[in-house]
Amino acid sequence: MAVPKRKMSRSNTRARRSQWKTTATALTTCPQCKANKQPHMACPTCGVYNNRTYAAAVRTEHEVG
């Protein structure tokens, strides 16, 4: 296993880590309730995916009761 011979400086470490970027999550609209949701996942608002309702997908924040 390769081991570095010298300690990497802070500037080199930070310069390397500056390239680690994230991308924003893609969002689509739910055909049922028109809320934003991630593609290929059940809607967090109404719990519908592919014309099926999944009760486990409904979050507790959205339940009224």
Protein backbone atom coordinates (compact mmCIF):
# COMPACT_ATOMS: atom_id res chain seq x y z
CA MET A 1 0.00 0.00 0.00
CA ALA A 2 1.39 3.39 -0.99
CA VAL A 3 2.13 5.83 1.82
CA PRO A 4 2.92 9.53 1.25
CA LYS A 5 6.54 10.39 1.93
CA ARG A 6 5.83 13.96 3.05
CA LYS A 7 2.94 15.77 4.74
CA MET A 8 0.72 17.59 2.25
CA SER A 9 0.44 21.31 2.97
CA ARG A 10 -2.86 22.95 3.88
CA SER A 11 -2.97 24.94 0.66
CA ASN A 12 -2.46 21.84 -1.47
CA THR A 13 -5.04 19.90 0.55
CA ARG A 14 -7.59 22.69 0.27
CA ALA A 15 -6.86 23.19 -3.44
CA ARG A 16 -7.52 19.51 -4.05
CA ARG A 17 -10.70 19.51 -1.97
CA SER A 18 -12.03 22.61 -3.74
CA GLN A 19 -12.88 20.42 -6.74
CA TRP A 20 -15.33 18.30 -4.70
CA LYS A 21 -18.59 19.93 -5.71
CA THR A 22 -22.17 18.79 -5.43
CA THR A 23 -24.98 19.30 -7.89
CA ALA A 24 -28.49 20.40 -7.09
CA THR A 25 -31.11 17.66 -6.98
CA ALA A 26 -33.22 17.47 -10.12
CA LEU A 27 -36.90 18.12 -9.47
CA THR A 28 -40.01 17.29 -11.48
CA THR A 29 -43.66 18.05 -10.83
CA CYS A 30 -46.02 15.42 -9.49
CA PRO A 31 -48.79 14.72 -12.03
CA GLN A 32 -51.29 14.21 -9.20
CA CYS A 33 -50.78 17.19 -6.86
CA LYS A 34 -48.33 19.34 -8.92
CA ALA A 35 -45.82 19.49 -6.04
CA ASN A 36 -42.06 19.26 -6.58
CA LYS A 37 -40.59 15.77 -6.25
CA GLN A 38 -37.48 13.86 -7.23
CA PRO A 39 -37.78 11.82 -10.43
CA HIS A 40 -38.35 8.06 -10.08
CA MET A 41 -39.48 8.46 -6.46
CA ALA A 42 -42.86 8.63 -4.76
CA CYS A 43 -44.17 12.14 -4.16
CA PRO A 44 -43.49 13.20 -0.54
CA THR A 45 -46.73 15.22 -0.47
CA CYS A 46 -49.34 12.78 -1.78
CA GLY A 47 -47.37 9.50 -1.93
CA VAL A 48 -48.21 8.73 -5.57
CA TYR A 49 -45.75 7.13 -7.98
CA ASN A 50 -46.60 5.57 -11.33
CA ASN A 51 -50.36 5.97 -10.68
CA ARG A 52 -50.09 4.02 -7.41
CA THR A 53 -50.49 5.38 -3.89
CA TYR A 54 -47.88 4.46 -1.34
CA ALA A 55 -48.98 5.33 2.19
CA ALA A 56 -45.47 4.84 3.61
CA ALA A 57 -44.16 7.64 1.38
CA VAL A 58 -46.41 10.25 2.95
CA ARG A 59 -44.45 12.25 5.51
CA THR A 60 -45.79 13.12 8.93
CA GLU A 61 -45.38 16.87 8.35
CA HIS A 62 -47.96 16.77 5.57
CA GLU A 63 -50.58 14.81 7.47
CA VAL A 64 -53.44 16.80 8.90
CA GLY A 65 -54.87 15.51 12.11
